[in-house]
Amino acid sequence: MKYQVGDRVNGVINNITDLGIFLTLPGRHSGLIHHNDFGNNWLRERQYRRVGDELRVVVVHNNKGKIGLSLMRVNDPMLVDHHNQFSKTKPEQFDEVLNKTSQDAKKEIARLKDVLSEN
């Protein structure tokens, strides 16, 4: 899997160093949350995090296989996640799209309940 800038992924901490926090990403890739991502909170964050913790991060750069990650910018709207079905939705359309998605989900849940009750 090739990671693009803006992709939101879950990773597992595999090492914490002076440089930052290294994560193992899906597809056996790894990335780094540089200590600068935490600003003045780096020392506290470093003590708070543990190897094996899972974090939701955003890819901020991918250069020659070196993947830069950010924990602080995971909700940054300027980093568009190309895999998110809502990323191209205009703000004025969001309510309509969200309501349709909710209705579709309710229909699918009802269908699955019917299938399960038949068995």
PDB file of N, CA and C in Angstrom:
ATOM      1  N   MET A   1       0.834  -1.182   0.000  1.00  0.00           N
ATOM      2  CA  MET A   1       0.000   0.000   0.000  1.00  0.00           C
ATOM      3  C   MET A   1       0.875   1.240   0.000  1.00  0.00           C
ATOM      4  N   LYS A   2       0.585   2.155  -0.909  1.00  0.00           N
ATOM      5  CA  LYS A   2       1.317   3.415  -0.952  1.00  0.00           C
ATOM      6  C   LYS A   2       0.525   4.458  -0.191  1.00  0.00           C
ATOM      7  N   TYR A   3       1.147   5.056   0.764  1.00  0.00           N
ATOM      8  CA  TYR A   3       0.484   6.061   1.577  1.00  0.00           C
ATOM      9  C   TYR A   3       0.598   7.430   0.907  1.00  0.00           C
ATOM     10  N   GLN A   4      -0.522   8.154   0.899  1.00  0.00           N
ATOM     11  CA  GLN A   4      -0.556   9.494   0.332  1.00  0.00           C
ATOM     12  C   GLN A   4      -0.716  10.508   1.462  1.00  0.00           C
ATOM     13  N   VAL A   5      -0.229  11.715   1.217  1.00  0.00           N
ATOM     14  CA  VAL A   5      -0.418  12.792   2.184  1.00  0.00           C
ATOM     15  C   VAL A   5      -1.917  12.976   2.401  1.00  0.00           C
ATOM     16  N   GLY A   6      -2.314  13.004   3.658  1.00  0.00           N
ATOM     17  CA  GLY A   6      -3.713  13.156   4.023  1.00  0.00           C
ATOM     18  C   GLY A   6      -4.367  11.872   4.482  1.00  0.00           C
ATOM     19  N   ASP A   7      -3.754  10.726   4.164  1.00  0.00           N
ATOM     20  CA  ASP A   7      -4.325   9.450   4.613  1.00  0.00           C
ATOM     21  C   ASP A   7      -4.337   9.397   6.132  1.00  0.00           C
ATOM     22  N   ARG A   8      -5.485   9.020   6.675  1.00  0.00           N
ATOM     23  CA  ARG A   8      -5.589   8.782   8.119  1.00  0.00           C
ATOM     24  C   ARG A   8      -5.462   7.283   8.334  1.00  0.00           C
ATOM     25  N   VAL A   9      -4.562   6.884   9.217  1.00  0.00           N
ATOM     26  CA  VAL A   9      -4.313   5.465   9.471  1.00  0.00           C
ATOM     27  C   VAL A   9      -4.108   5.233  10.959  1.00  0.00           C
ATOM     28  N   ASN A  10      -4.315   3.993  11.359  1.00  0.00           N
ATOM     29  CA  ASN A  10      -3.993   3.581  12.723  1.00  0.00           C
ATOM     30  C   ASN A  10      -2.641   2.904  12.685  1.00  0.00           C
ATOM     31  N   GLY A  11      -1.813   3.223  13.645  1.00  0.00           N
ATOM     32  CA  GLY A  11      -0.507   2.605  13.747  1.00  0.00           C
ATOM     33  C   GLY A  11      -0.232   2.207  15.181  1.00  0.00           C
ATOM     34  N   VAL A  12       0.703   1.297  15.348  1.00  0.00           N
ATOM     35  CA  VAL A  12       1.076   0.813  16.677  1.00  0.00           C
ATOM     36  C   VAL A  12       2.495   1.286  16.978  1.00  0.00           C
ATOM     37  N   ILE A  13       2.669   1.887  18.149  1.00  0.00           N
ATOM     38  CA  ILE A  13       3.992   2.381  18.539  1.00  0.00           C
ATOM     39  C   ILE A  13       4.948   1.194  18.682  1.00  0.00           C
ATOM     40  N   ASN A  14       6.083   1.286  17.980  1.00  0.00           N
ATOM     41  CA  ASN A  14       7.088   0.232  18.119  1.00  0.00           C
ATOM     42  C   ASN A  14       8.385   0.732  18.737  1.00  0.00           C
ATOM     43  N   ASN A  15       8.543   2.074  18.827  1.00  0.00           N
ATOM     44  CA  ASN A  15       9.752   2.606  19.449  1.00  0.00           C
ATOM     45  C   ASN A  15       9.534   4.083  19.765  1.00  0.00           C
ATOM     46  N   ILE A  16      10.113   4.519  20.881  1.00  0.00           N
ATOM     47  CA  ILE A  16      10.073   5.929  21.258  1.00  0.00           C
ATOM     48  C   ILE A  16      11.517   6.352  21.505  1.00  0.00           C
ATOM     49  N   THR A  17      11.972   7.350  20.740  1.00  0.00           N
ATOM     50  CA  THR A  17      13.355   7.815  20.841  1.00  0.00           C
ATOM     51  C   THR A  17      13.369   9.323  21.019  1.00  0.00           C
ATOM     52  N   ASP A  18      14.568   9.898  21.128  1.00  0.00           N
ATOM     53  CA  ASP A  18      14.689  11.348  21.200  1.00  0.00           C
ATOM     54  C   ASP A  18      14.155  12.013  19.936  1.00  0.00           C
ATOM     55  N   LEU A  19      14.212  11.319  18.812  1.00  0.00           N
ATOM     56  CA  LEU A  19      13.750  11.856  17.535  1.00  0.00           C
ATOM     57  C   LEU A  19      12.229  11.941  17.460  1.00  0.00           C
ATOM     58  N   GLY A  20      11.547  10.987  18.071  1.00  0.00           N
ATOM     59  CA  GLY A  20      10.092  10.976  18.043  1.00  0.00           C
ATOM     60  C   GLY A  20       9.544   9.587  18.290  1.00  0.00           C
ATOM     61  N   ILE A  21       8.320   9.371  17.809  1.00  0.00           N
ATOM     62  CA  ILE A  21       7.631   8.099  18.019  1.00  0.00           C
ATOM     63  C   ILE A  21       7.528   7.366  16.681  1.00  0.00           C
ATOM     64  N   PHE A  22       8.035   6.151  16.648  1.00  0.00           N
ATOM     65  CA  PHE A  22       7.969   5.320  15.447  1.00  0.00           C
ATOM     66  C   PHE A  22       6.761   4.401  15.546  1.00  0.00           C
ATOM     67  N   LEU A  23       6.000   4.327  14.455  1.00  0.00           N
ATOM     68  CA  LEU A  23       4.805   3.492  14.412  1.00  0.00           C
ATOM     69  C   LEU A  23       4.923   2.452  13.315  1.00  0.00           C
ATOM     70  N   THR A  24       4.341   1.290  13.560  1.00  0.00           N
ATOM     71  CA  THR A  24       4.159   0.286  12.520  1.00  0.00           C
ATOM     72  C   THR A  24       2.776   0.507  11.942  1.00  0.00           C
ATOM     73  N   LEU A  25       2.723   0.668  10.617  1.00  0.00           N
ATOM     74  CA  LEU A  25       1.480   0.943   9.913  1.00  0.00           C
ATOM     75  C   LEU A  25       1.008  -0.308   9.188  1.00  0.00           C
ATOM     76  N   PRO A  26      -0.256  -0.336   8.771  1.00  0.00           N
ATOM     77  CA  PRO A  26      -0.735  -1.482   7.997  1.00  0.00           C
ATOM     78  C   PRO A  26       0.140  -1.709   6.762  1.00  0.00           C
ATOM     79  N   GLY A  27       0.303  -2.960   6.390  1.00  0.00           N
ATOM     80  CA  GLY A  27       1.152  -3.307   5.258  1.00  0.00           C
ATOM     81  C   GLY A  27       2.622  -3.359   5.619  1.00  0.00           C
ATOM     82  N   ARG A  28       2.897  -3.489   6.910  1.00  0.00           N
ATOM     83  CA  ARG A  28       4.263  -3.583   7.434  1.00  0.00           C
ATOM     84  C   ARG A  28       5.138  -2.402   7.037  1.00  0.00           C
ATOM     85  N   HIS A  29       4.539  -1.222   6.950  1.00  0.00           N
ATOM     86  CA  HIS A  29       5.279   0.013   6.736  1.00  0.00           C
ATOM     87  C   HIS A  29       5.519   0.633   8.105  1.00  0.00           C
ATOM     88  N   SER A  30       6.435   1.578   8.128  1.00  0.00           N
ATOM     89  CA  SER A  30       6.643   2.298   9.379  1.00  0.00           C
ATOM     90  C   SER A  30       6.726   3.786   9.085  1.00  0.00           C
ATOM     91  N   GLY A  31       6.437   4.561  10.105  1.00  0.00           N
ATOM     92  CA  GLY A  31       6.480   6.005   9.973  1.00  0.00           C
ATOM     93  C   GLY A  31       6.900   6.632  11.284  1.00  0.00           C
ATOM     94  N   LEU A  32       7.170   7.920  11.214  1.00  0.00           N
ATOM     95  CA  LEU A  32       7.680   8.656  12.370  1.00  0.00           C
ATOM     96  C   LEU A  32       6.816   9.874  12.657  1.00  0.00           C
ATOM     97  N   ILE A  33       6.429  10.010  13.916  1.00  0.00           N
ATOM     98  CA  ILE A  33       5.868  11.273  14.400  1.00  0.00           C
ATOM     99  C   ILE A  33       7.043  12.008  15.019  1.00  0.00           C
ATOM    100  N   HIS A  34       7.526  13.037  14.326  1.00  0.00           N
ATOM    101  CA  HIS A  34       8.691  13.776  14.811  1.00  0.00           C
ATOM    102  C   HIS A  34       8.333  14.503  16.106  1.00  0.00           C
ATOM    103  N   HIS A  35       9.308  14.631  16.988  1.00  0.00           N
ATOM    104  CA  HIS A  35       9.050  15.260  18.286  1.00  0.00           C
ATOM    105  C   HIS A  35       8.519  16.686  18.141  1.00  0.00           C
ATOM    106  N   ASN A  36       8.829  17.371  17.041  1.00  0.00           N
ATOM    107  CA  ASN A  36       8.327  18.732  16.832  1.00  0.00           C
ATOM    108  C   ASN A  36       6.803  18.771  16.704  1.00  0.00           C
ATOM    109  N   ASP A  37       6.193  17.649  16.327  1.00  0.00           N
ATOM    110  CA  ASP A  37       4.744  17.586  16.197  1.00  0.00           C
ATOM    111  C   ASP A  37       4.057  17.877  17.533  1.00  0.00           C
ATOM    112  N   PHE A  38       4.734  17.605  18.629  1.00  0.00           N
ATOM    113  CA  PHE A  38       4.159  17.779  19.957  1.00  0.00           C
ATOM    114  C   PHE A  38       4.476  19.144  20.564  1.00  0.00           C
ATOM    115  N   GLY A  39       5.328  19.904  19.899  1.00  0.00           N
ATOM    116  CA  GLY A  39       5.694  21.233  20.410  1.00  0.00           C
ATOM    117  C   GLY A  39       6.305  21.141  21.792  1.00  0.00           C
ATOM    118  N   ASN A  40       5.830  22.010  22.670  1.00  0.00           N
ATOM    119  CA  ASN A  40       6.355  22.047  24.041  1.00  0.00           C
ATOM    120  C   ASN A  40       5.881  20.873  24.887  1.00  0.00           C
ATOM    121  N   ASN A  41       4.972  20.067  24.376  1.00  0.00           N
ATOM    122  CA  ASN A  41       4.434  18.930  25.128  1.00  0.00           C
ATOM    123  C   ASN A  41       5.200  17.634  24.891  1.00  0.00           C
ATOM    124  N   TRP A  42       6.321  17.691  24.173  1.00  0.00           N
ATOM    125  CA  TRP A  42       7.026  16.474  23.801  1.00  0.00           C
ATOM    126  C   TRP A  42       7.430  15.628  25.014  1.00  0.00           C
ATOM    127  N   LEU A  43       8.002  16.231  26.021  1.00  0.00           N
ATOM    128  CA  LEU A  43       8.471  15.449  27.176  1.00  0.00           C
ATOM    129  C   LEU A  43       7.309  14.750  27.875  1.00  0.00           C
ATOM    130  N   ARG A  44       6.196  15.448  28.029  1.00  0.00           N
ATOM    131  CA  ARG A  44       5.025  14.833  28.658  1.00  0.00           C
ATOM    132  C   ARG A  44       4.464  13.713  27.776  1.00  0.00           C
ATOM    133  N   GLU A  45       4.324  13.971  26.478  1.00  0.00           N
ATOM    134  CA  GLU A  45       3.792  12.957  25.550  1.00  0.00           C
ATOM    135  C   GLU A  45       4.700  11.727  25.513  1.00  0.00           C
ATOM    136  N   ARG A  46       5.987  11.967  25.540  1.00  0.00           N
ATOM    137  CA  ARG A  46       6.945  10.855  25.501  1.00  0.00           C
ATOM    138  C   ARG A  46       6.766   9.938  26.706  1.00  0.00           C
ATOM    139  N   GLN A  47       6.511  10.512  27.857  1.00  0.00           N
ATOM    140  CA  GLN A  47       6.312   9.713  29.067  1.00  0.00           C
ATOM    141  C   GLN A  47       4.945   9.044  29.085  1.00  0.00           C
ATOM    142  N   TYR A  48       3.965   9.674  28.458  1.00  0.00           N
ATOM    143  CA  TYR A  48       2.592   9.181  28.459  1.00  0.00           C
ATOM    144  C   TYR A  48       2.404   7.996  27.511  1.00  0.00           C
ATOM    145  N   ARG A  49       3.114   7.985  26.383  1.00  0.00           N
ATOM    146  CA  ARG A  49       2.954   6.944  25.361  1.00  0.00           C
ATOM    147  C   ARG A  49       3.799   5.725  25.687  1.00  0.00           C
ATOM    148  N   ARG A  50       3.308   4.555  25.251  1.00  0.00           N
ATOM    149  CA  ARG A  50       3.996   3.280  25.500  1.00  0.00           C
ATOM    150  C   ARG A  50       4.078   2.458  24.228  1.00  0.00           C
ATOM    151  N   VAL A  51       5.132   1.663  24.091  1.00  0.00           N
ATOM    152  CA  VAL A  51       5.249   0.716  22.984  1.00  0.00           C
ATOM    153  C   VAL A  51       4.032  -0.206  23.029  1.00  0.00           C
ATOM    154  N   GLY A  52       3.400  -0.384  21.872  1.00  0.00           N
ATOM    155  CA  GLY A  52       2.205  -1.206  21.792  1.00  0.00           C
ATOM    156  C   GLY A  52       0.920  -0.398  21.742  1.00  0.00           C
ATOM    157  N   ASP A  53       0.974   0.893  22.125  1.00  0.00           N
ATOM    158  CA  ASP A  53      -0.209   1.752  22.034  1.00  0.00           C
ATOM    159  C   ASP A  53      -0.581   1.953  20.572  1.00  0.00           C
ATOM    160  N   GLU A  54      -1.885   2.008  20.302  1.00  0.00           N
ATOM    161  CA  GLU A  54      -2.361   2.289  18.951  1.00  0.00           C
ATOM    162  C   GLU A  54      -2.741   3.761  18.865  1.00  0.00           C
ATOM    163  N   LEU A  55      -2.318   4.408  17.769  1.00  0.00           N
ATOM    164  CA  LEU A  55      -2.606   5.824  17.568  1.00  0.00           C
ATOM    165  C   LEU A  55      -3.227   6.039  16.188  1.00  0.00           C
ATOM    166  N   ARG A  56      -4.130   6.988  16.095  1.00  0.00           N
ATOM    167  CA  ARG A  56      -4.706   7.424  14.825  1.00  0.00           C
ATOM    168  C   ARG A  56      -3.893   8.631  14.389  1.00  0.00           C
ATOM    169  N   VAL A  57      -3.267   8.548  13.212  1.00  0.00           N
ATOM    170  CA  VAL A  57      -2.377   9.603  12.735  1.00  0.00           C
ATOM    171  C   VAL A  57      -2.720   9.961  11.285  1.00  0.00           C
ATOM    172  N   VAL A  58      -2.130  11.033  10.820  1.00  0.00           N
ATOM    173  CA  VAL A  58      -2.290  11.451   9.428  1.00  0.00           C
ATOM    174  C   VAL A  58      -0.906  11.502   8.786  1.00  0.00           C
ATOM    175  N   VAL A  59      -0.850  11.090   7.510  1.00  0.00           N
ATOM    176  CA  VAL A  59       0.402  11.150   6.762  1.00  0.00           C
ATOM    177  C   VAL A  59       0.612  12.596   6.320  1.00  0.00           C
ATOM    178  N   VAL A  60       1.747  13.183   6.712  1.00  0.00           N
ATOM    179  CA  VAL A  60       2.043  14.568   6.337  1.00  0.00           C
ATOM    180  C   VAL A  60       3.071  14.653   5.221  1.00  0.00           C
ATOM    181  N   HIS A  61       3.863  13.607   5.042  1.00  0.00           N
ATOM    182  CA  HIS A  61       4.721  13.506   3.864  1.00  0.00           C
ATOM    183  C   HIS A  61       5.172  12.063   3.667  1.00  0.00           C
ATOM    184  N   ASN A  62       5.486  11.750   2.432  1.00  0.00           N
ATOM    185  CA  ASN A  62       5.979  10.425   2.072  1.00  0.00           C
ATOM    186  C   ASN A  62       7.029  10.640   0.995  1.00  0.00           C
ATOM    187  N   ASN A  63       8.283  10.589   1.403  1.00  0.00           N
ATOM    188  CA  ASN A  63       9.384  10.865   0.500  1.00  0.00           C
ATOM    189  C   ASN A  63      10.332   9.679   0.475  1.00  0.00           C
ATOM    190  N   LYS A  64      10.383   9.008  -0.668  1.00  0.00           N
ATOM    191  CA  LYS A  64      11.277   7.857  -0.850  1.00  0.00           C
ATOM    192  C   LYS A  64      11.058   6.800   0.221  1.00  0.00           C
ATOM    193  N   GLY A  65       9.793   6.561   0.549  1.00  0.00           N
ATOM    194  CA  GLY A  65       9.458   5.523   1.518  1.00  0.00           C
ATOM    195  C   GLY A  65       9.551   5.949   2.971  1.00  0.00           C
ATOM    196  N   LYS A  66      10.025   7.163   3.223  1.00  0.00           N
ATOM    197  CA  LYS A  66      10.072   7.668   4.599  1.00  0.00           C
ATOM    198  C   LYS A  66       8.762   8.409   4.845  1.00  0.00           C
ATOM    199  N   ILE A  67       7.975   7.844   5.741  1.00  0.00           N
ATOM    200  CA  ILE A  67       6.637   8.360   5.975  1.00  0.00           C
ATOM    201  C   ILE A  67       6.631   9.233   7.218  1.00  0.00           C
ATOM    202  N   GLY A  68       6.275  10.496   7.029  1.00  0.00           N
ATOM    203  CA  GLY A  68       6.151  11.437   8.139  1.00  0.00           C
ATOM    204  C   GLY A  68       4.707  11.469   8.602  1.00  0.00           C
ATOM    205  N   LEU A  69       4.508  11.354   9.893  1.00  0.00           N
ATOM    206  CA  LEU A  69       3.173  11.289  10.466  1.00  0.00           C
ATOM    207  C   LEU A  69       2.949  12.436  11.437  1.00  0.00           C
ATOM    208  N   SER A  70       1.681  12.722  11.668  1.00  0.00           N
ATOM    209  CA  SER A  70       1.331  13.725  12.673  1.00  0.00           C
ATOM    210  C   SER A  70       0.146  13.234  13.477  1.00  0.00           C
ATOM    211  N   LEU A  71       0.246  13.388  14.770  1.00  0.00           N
ATOM    212  CA  LEU A  71      -0.862  13.101  15.667  1.00  0.00           C
ATOM    213  C   LEU A  71      -1.677  14.379  15.883  1.00  0.00           C
ATOM    214  N   MET A  72      -1.005  15.503  15.942  1.00  0.00           N
ATOM    215  CA  MET A  72      -1.666  16.770  16.225  1.00  0.00           C
ATOM    216  C   MET A  72      -2.486  17.287  15.052  1.00  0.00           C
ATOM    217  N   ARG A  73      -2.166  16.876  13.828  1.00  0.00           N
ATOM    218  CA  ARG A  73      -2.866  17.386  12.647  1.00  0.00           C
ATOM    219  C   ARG A  73      -3.882  16.390  12.080  1.00  0.00           C
ATOM    220  N   VAL A  74      -4.244  15.379  12.853  1.00  0.00           N
ATOM    221  CA  VAL A  74      -5.136  14.344  12.345  1.00  0.00           C
ATOM    222  C   VAL A  74      -6.494  14.910  11.929  1.00  0.00           C
ATOM    223  N   ASN A  75      -6.930  16.010  12.522  1.00  0.00           N
ATOM    224  CA  ASN A  75      -8.212  16.639  12.165  1.00  0.00           C
ATOM    225  C   ASN A  75      -8.043  17.869  11.288  1.00  0.00           C
ATOM    226  N   ASP A  76      -6.868  18.064  10.715  1.00  0.00           N
ATOM    227  CA  ASP A  76      -6.587  19.220   9.866  1.00  0.00           C
ATOM    228  C   ASP A  76      -7.335  19.084   8.537  1.00  0.00           C
ATOM    229  N   PRO A  77      -8.305  19.968   8.265  1.00  0.00           N
ATOM    230  CA  PRO A  77      -9.076  19.849   7.029  1.00  0.00           C
ATOM    231  C   PRO A  77      -8.261  20.138   5.774  1.00  0.00           C
ATOM    232  N   MET A  78      -7.091  20.738   5.928  1.00  0.00           N
ATOM    233  CA  MET A  78      -6.244  21.009   4.764  1.00  0.00           C
ATOM    234  C   MET A  78      -5.555  19.746   4.261  1.00  0.00           C
ATOM    235  N   LEU A  79      -5.471  18.724   5.101  1.00  0.00           N
ATOM    236  CA  LEU A  79      -4.892  17.443   4.699  1.00  0.00           C
ATOM    237  C   LEU A  79      -6.048  16.520   4.307  1.00  0.00           C
ATOM    238  N   VAL A  80      -6.379  16.499   3.031  1.00  0.00           N
ATOM    239  CA  VAL A  80      -7.536  15.758   2.533  1.00  0.00           C
ATOM    240  C   VAL A  80      -7.201  14.273   2.446  1.00  0.00           C
ATOM    241  N   ASP A  81      -8.043  13.457   3.056  1.00  0.00           N
ATOM    242  CA  ASP A  81      -7.909  12.002   2.995  1.00  0.00           C
ATOM    243  C   ASP A  81      -8.625  11.512   1.743  1.00  0.00           C
ATOM    244  N   HIS A  82      -7.874  11.042   0.767  1.00  0.00           N
ATOM    245  CA  HIS A  82      -8.438  10.636  -0.519  1.00  0.00           C
ATOM    246  C   HIS A  82      -9.266   9.361  -0.431  1.00  0.00           C
ATOM    247  N   HIS A  83      -9.159   8.649   0.674  1.00  0.00           N
ATOM    248  CA  HIS A  83      -9.923   7.417   0.859  1.00  0.00           C
ATOM    249  C   HIS A  83     -11.235   7.663   1.598  1.00  0.00           C
ATOM    250  N   ASN A  84     -11.439   8.881   2.080  1.00  0.00           N
ATOM    251  CA  ASN A  84     -12.651   9.217   2.818  1.00  0.00           C
ATOM    252  C   ASN A  84     -13.762   9.540   1.832  1.00  0.00           C
ATOM    253  N   GLN A  85     -14.878   8.835   1.929  1.00  0.00           N
ATOM    254  CA  GLN A  85     -15.970   9.024   0.985  1.00  0.00           C
ATOM    255  C   GLN A  85     -16.580  10.423   1.064  1.00  0.00           C
ATOM    256  N   PHE A  86     -16.346  11.146   2.130  1.00  0.00           N
ATOM    257  CA  PHE A  86     -16.918  12.480   2.290  1.00  0.00           C
ATOM    258  C   PHE A  86     -15.944  13.594   1.927  1.00  0.00           C
ATOM    259  N   SER A  87     -14.724  13.277   1.522  1.00  0.00           N
ATOM    260  CA  SER A  87     -13.713  14.313   1.327  1.00  0.00           C
ATOM    261  C   SER A  87     -14.048  15.284   0.205  1.00  0.00           C
ATOM    262  N   LYS A  88     -14.858  14.873  -0.764  1.00  0.00           N
ATOM    263  CA  LYS A  88     -15.208  15.770  -1.865  1.00  0.00           C
ATOM    264  C   LYS A  88     -16.592  16.387  -1.680  1.00  0.00           C
ATOM    265  N   THR A  89     -17.195  16.151  -0.538  1.00  0.00           N
ATOM    266  CA  THR A  89     -18.516  16.696  -0.260  1.00  0.00           C
ATOM    267  C   THR A  89     -18.387  18.171   0.123  1.00  0.00           C
ATOM    268  N   LYS A  90     -19.171  18.998  -0.547  1.00  0.00           N
ATOM    269  CA  LYS A  90     -19.161  20.428  -0.236  1.00  0.00           C
ATOM    270  C   LYS A  90     -19.932  20.651   1.061  1.00  0.00           C
ATOM    271  N   PRO A  91     -19.543  21.657   1.833  1.00  0.00           N
ATOM    272  CA  PRO A  91     -20.208  21.885   3.123  1.00  0.00           C
ATOM    273  C   PRO A  91     -21.722  21.984   3.027  1.00  0.00           C
ATOM    274  N   GLU A  92     -22.229  22.614   1.980  1.00  0.00           N
ATOM    275  CA  GLU A  92     -23.678  22.768   1.858  1.00  0.00           C
ATOM    276  C   GLU A  92     -24.380  21.452   1.520  1.00  0.00           C
ATOM    277  N   GLN A  93     -23.629  20.462   1.061  1.00  0.00           N
ATOM    278  CA  GLN A  93     -24.193  19.147   0.729  1.00  0.00           C
ATOM    279  C   GLN A  93     -24.037  18.142   1.861  1.00  0.00           C
ATOM    280  N   PHE A  94     -23.282  18.494   2.886  1.00  0.00           N
ATOM    281  CA  PHE A  94     -22.908  17.521   3.901  1.00  0.00           C
ATOM    282  C   PHE A  94     -24.122  16.925   4.616  1.00  0.00           C
ATOM    283  N   ASP A  95     -25.078  17.758   5.024  1.00  0.00           N
ATOM    284  CA  ASP A  95     -26.269  17.242   5.718  1.00  0.00           C
ATOM    285  C   ASP A  95     -27.023  16.240   4.851  1.00  0.00           C
ATOM    286  N   GLU A  96     -27.191  16.575   3.587  1.00  0.00           N
ATOM    287  CA  GLU A  96     -27.905  15.685   2.661  1.00  0.00           C
ATOM    288  C   GLU A  96     -27.172  14.352   2.513  1.00  0.00           C
ATOM    289  N   VAL A  97     -25.872  14.410   2.312  1.00  0.00           N
ATOM    290  CA  VAL A  97     -25.076  13.190   2.134  1.00  0.00           C
ATOM    291  C   VAL A  97     -25.067  12.365   3.420  1.00  0.00           C
ATOM    292  N   LEU A  98     -24.939  13.028   4.548  1.00  0.00           N
ATOM    293  CA  LEU A  98     -24.919  12.322   5.828  1.00  0.00           C
ATOM    294  C   LEU A  98     -26.260  11.649   6.101  1.00  0.00           C
ATOM    295  N   ASN A  99     -27.372  12.346   5.821  1.00  0.00           N
ATOM    296  CA  ASN A  99     -28.699  11.751   6.012  1.00  0.00           C
ATOM    297  C   ASN A  99     -28.905  10.546   5.109  1.00  0.00           C
ATOM    298  N   LYS A 100     -28.461  10.640   3.851  1.00  0.00           N
ATOM    299  CA  LYS A 100     -28.588   9.505   2.929  1.00  0.00           C
ATOM    300  C   LYS A 100     -27.756   8.324   3.411  1.00  0.00           C
ATOM    301  N   THR A 101     -26.541   8.603   3.875  1.00  0.00           N
ATOM    302  CA  THR A 101     -25.682   7.538   4.400  1.00  0.00           C
ATOM    303  C   THR A 101     -26.325   6.875   5.608  1.00  0.00           C
ATOM    304  N   SER A 102     -26.917   7.665   6.477  1.00  0.00           N
ATOM    305  CA  SER A 102     -27.599   7.134   7.655  1.00  0.00           C
ATOM    306  C   SER A 102     -28.797   6.266   7.253  1.00  0.00           C
ATOM    307  N   GLN A 103     -29.579   6.738   6.299  1.00  0.00           N
ATOM    308  CA  GLN A 103     -30.733   5.962   5.824  1.00  0.00           C
ATOM    309  C   GLN A 103     -30.292   4.644   5.199  1.00  0.00           C
ATOM    310  N   ASP A 104     -29.224   4.702   4.389  1.00  0.00           N
ATOM    311  CA  ASP A 104     -28.706   3.484   3.761  1.00  0.00           C
ATOM    312  C   ASP A 104     -28.223   2.494   4.816  1.00  0.00           C
ATOM    313  N   ALA A 105     -27.570   3.019   5.856  1.00  0.00           N
ATOM    314  CA  ALA A 105     -27.080   2.154   6.933  1.00  0.00           C
ATOM    315  C   ALA A 105     -28.237   1.495   7.670  1.00  0.00           C
ATOM    316  N   LYS A 106     -29.295   2.247   7.935  1.00  0.00           N
ATOM    317  CA  LYS A 106     -30.464   1.688   8.619  1.00  0.00           C
ATOM    318  C   LYS A 106     -31.121   0.590   7.779  1.00  0.00           C
ATOM    319  N   LYS A 107     -31.204   0.816   6.469  1.00  0.00           N
ATOM    320  CA  LYS A 107     -31.774  -0.205   5.569  1.00  0.00           C
ATOM    321  C   LYS A 107     -30.916  -1.469   5.588  1.00  0.00           C
ATOM    322  N   GLU A 108     -29.620  -1.302   5.556  1.00  0.00           N
ATOM    323  CA  GLU A 108     -28.718  -2.455   5.557  1.00  0.00           C
ATOM    324  C   GLU A 108     -28.809  -3.212   6.878  1.00  0.00           C
ATOM    325  N   ILE A 109     -28.917  -2.505   7.978  1.00  0.00           N
ATOM    326  CA  ILE A 109     -29.067  -3.156   9.284  1.00  0.00           C
ATOM    327  C   ILE A 109     -30.365  -3.949   9.328  1.00  0.00           C
ATOM    328  N   ALA A 110     -31.446  -3.368   8.828  1.00  0.00           N
ATOM    329  CA  ALA A 110     -32.737  -4.073   8.789  1.00  0.00           C
ATOM    330  C   ALA A 110     -32.638  -5.321   7.918  1.00  0.00           C
ATOM    331  N   ARG A 111     -31.961  -5.191   6.774  1.00  0.00           N
ATOM    332  CA  ARG A 111     -31.792  -6.349   5.882  1.00  0.00           C
ATOM    333  C   ARG A 111     -31.004  -7.464   6.570  1.00  0.00           C
ATOM    334  N   LEU A 112     -29.942  -7.088   7.253  1.00  0.00           N
ATOM    335  CA  LEU A 112     -29.124  -8.082   7.941  1.00  0.00           C
ATOM    336  C   LEU A 112     -29.902  -8.753   9.079  1.00  0.00           C
ATOM    337  N   LYS A 113     -30.722  -7.989   9.782  1.00  0.00           N
ATOM    338  CA  LYS A 113     -31.558  -8.578  10.848  1.00  0.00           C
ATOM    339  C   LYS A 113     -32.514  -9.591  10.247  1.00  0.00           C
ATOM    340  N   ASP A 114     -33.091  -9.282   9.078  1.00  0.00           N
ATOM    341  CA  ASP A 114     -33.998 -10.221   8.404  1.00  0.00           C
ATOM    342  C   ASP A 114     -33.269 -11.497   8.031  1.00  0.00           C
ATOM    343  N   VAL A 115     -32.062 -11.352   7.510  1.00  0.00           N
ATOM    344  CA  VAL A 115     -31.268 -12.514   7.101  1.00  0.00           C
ATOM    345  C   VAL A 115     -30.959 -13.395   8.331  1.00  0.00           C
ATOM    346  N   LEU A 116     -30.592 -12.750   9.418  1.00  0.00           N
ATOM    347  CA  LEU A 116     -30.264 -13.495  10.638  1.00  0.00           C
ATOM    348  C   LEU A 116     -31.503 -14.176  11.234  1.00  0.00           C
ATOM    349  N   SER A 117     -32.651 -13.524  11.155  1.00  0.00           N
ATOM    350  CA  SER A 117     -33.865 -14.122  11.736  1.00  0.00           C
ATOM    351  C   SER A 117     -34.367 -15.303  10.897  1.00  0.00           C
ATOM    352  N   GLU A 118     -34.002 -15.350   9.608  1.00  0.00           N
ATOM    353  CA  GLU A 118     -34.392 -16.466   8.745  1.00  0.00           C
ATOM    354  C   GLU A 118     -33.597 -17.717   9.073  1.00  0.00           C
ATOM    355  N   ASN A 119     -32.425 -17.536   9.642  1.00  0.00           N
ATOM    356  CA  ASN A 119     -31.545 -18.685   9.948  1.00  0.00           C
ATOM    357  C   ASN A 119     -31.843 -19.245  11.257  1.00  0.00           C
TER     358      ASN A 119
END
